[in-house]
Amino acid sequence: MRTLAVAAGAAVLASGAGLYGLSETGSWPFKASYCWGAWQEDSGPDFLGEKALGKSGSERRAKESAAPSAARPNATCTVTIASSVPDDDSDDPLTFDERVTLAYGPVPAAAEEHRAWIAHFFDGSASPLPDGLNGLVAGDRAMLVLPEACDVSGRPSVVTIRSEGWGDGHLGKKAMSFAIGSRIDVARMLLDAANTTMSKAGCSPGKPLRSTSPIAVTAEKEDRAATPLCRIPGVTFEFPKDPAHQQRVGMVAERLQTCSAVWRARGVPDEPAAQFVMAAEPRMAALFDGLPEGVGQGLVRATCDGRTTVFYGNVEPGLKARSRPDERQVFANFVKSVGERIGCKAGENA
């Protein structure tokens, strides 16, 4: 009887049934885990559950680098669901690829990459994390600034999550929108990833990071970009008549304000067009360290109501010529308008 049971177990494993396998102790089955053990199958959003595998030929797989460590602080992991369906217009099937990428490490050092990182994770679609956590979360992205113990060469370390979706067939490869889950689901994934990676890197705080409060959805419904952008006085552009430019009015609070414009076209990923941020929480403000400073560079610091505050703006080439009267003045207007709102007094701006 024992021989038959072992043989049956081996047959199930050999058949590839589900995402189960032997545990380290030799017992089975157990749910698959991903990204150094941060996430488990059937935990949290549909992306990690059986529902996401309902399409034809679906399979979930993960690819991860070495886990983060004190000596090697950068690490990435990607979980992908691949599926396919018959294509009526081709002998080859239509294939679909939905993926979630988790990254751990300091913010990018190179200015161009640094600005692209800010554009993505400070997007106006994201809501601030509650319970004193320094980060932002949306259905398709999330970012958390880690405690100072995890800093690398004076740069803050972060954990980020981002999603992307692709379809490929006789019309070529096309980008498709893909939401990981609700903000609460994504925040839970983010905190699980943060606690796991900090443990691997040896910089965990005394207690695991937790959040129990609801997440306020502060971002407005995305709509066609208008001037002034995000209704901020003086942030004026002459947008083209086509509806491709969309604005995302994000958080408007005393310690954080976000405003984004993106260029959207069917079949390609959204391209950042303009980004404006005010950050007054020390750990959030530290994410802008290392970028060139000055009004002409789109980054200034001020003391507002006793708090060190960062004002940041970046306009991509496609909109620079449409800044009114010019890009430098648009940024100066942003600093003035938001500064007055949050209590920056004359002479306080750095």
Foldseek 3Di string as FASTA:
>chain_A
DVVVVVVVVVVCVVVVPDQFDADPVRDDGDFDAFDLRLDTAPPFFCVRYPVLQPAAPKDKDKDWDPAAAQVRFKIKMKIKIKHWDCDPVDPDTKIKIKMKMKIKFFQDQDQVSLVVVCCVQLAQQWFAADDPWGWTFAQFKIKTWDDPLSDDPLTTMMIMMGMWMWMADPVGIFTDDDGRHGRVRVVSSRQSNVQSRCVRHVRDDPDRDDGDDDIDRFKDDKFAADPPFLPQPLLGFDDDPDRQKIKIFHDQDLAKGKIFIWGDDGRYDIHTFKIKMKGFDVSVVSSPPNQDDDLVRQWWWFQFPNTIMIIGMDGDPVGQVGGVVGDSRSSVSNCVRSSVVNGGDPPGTD
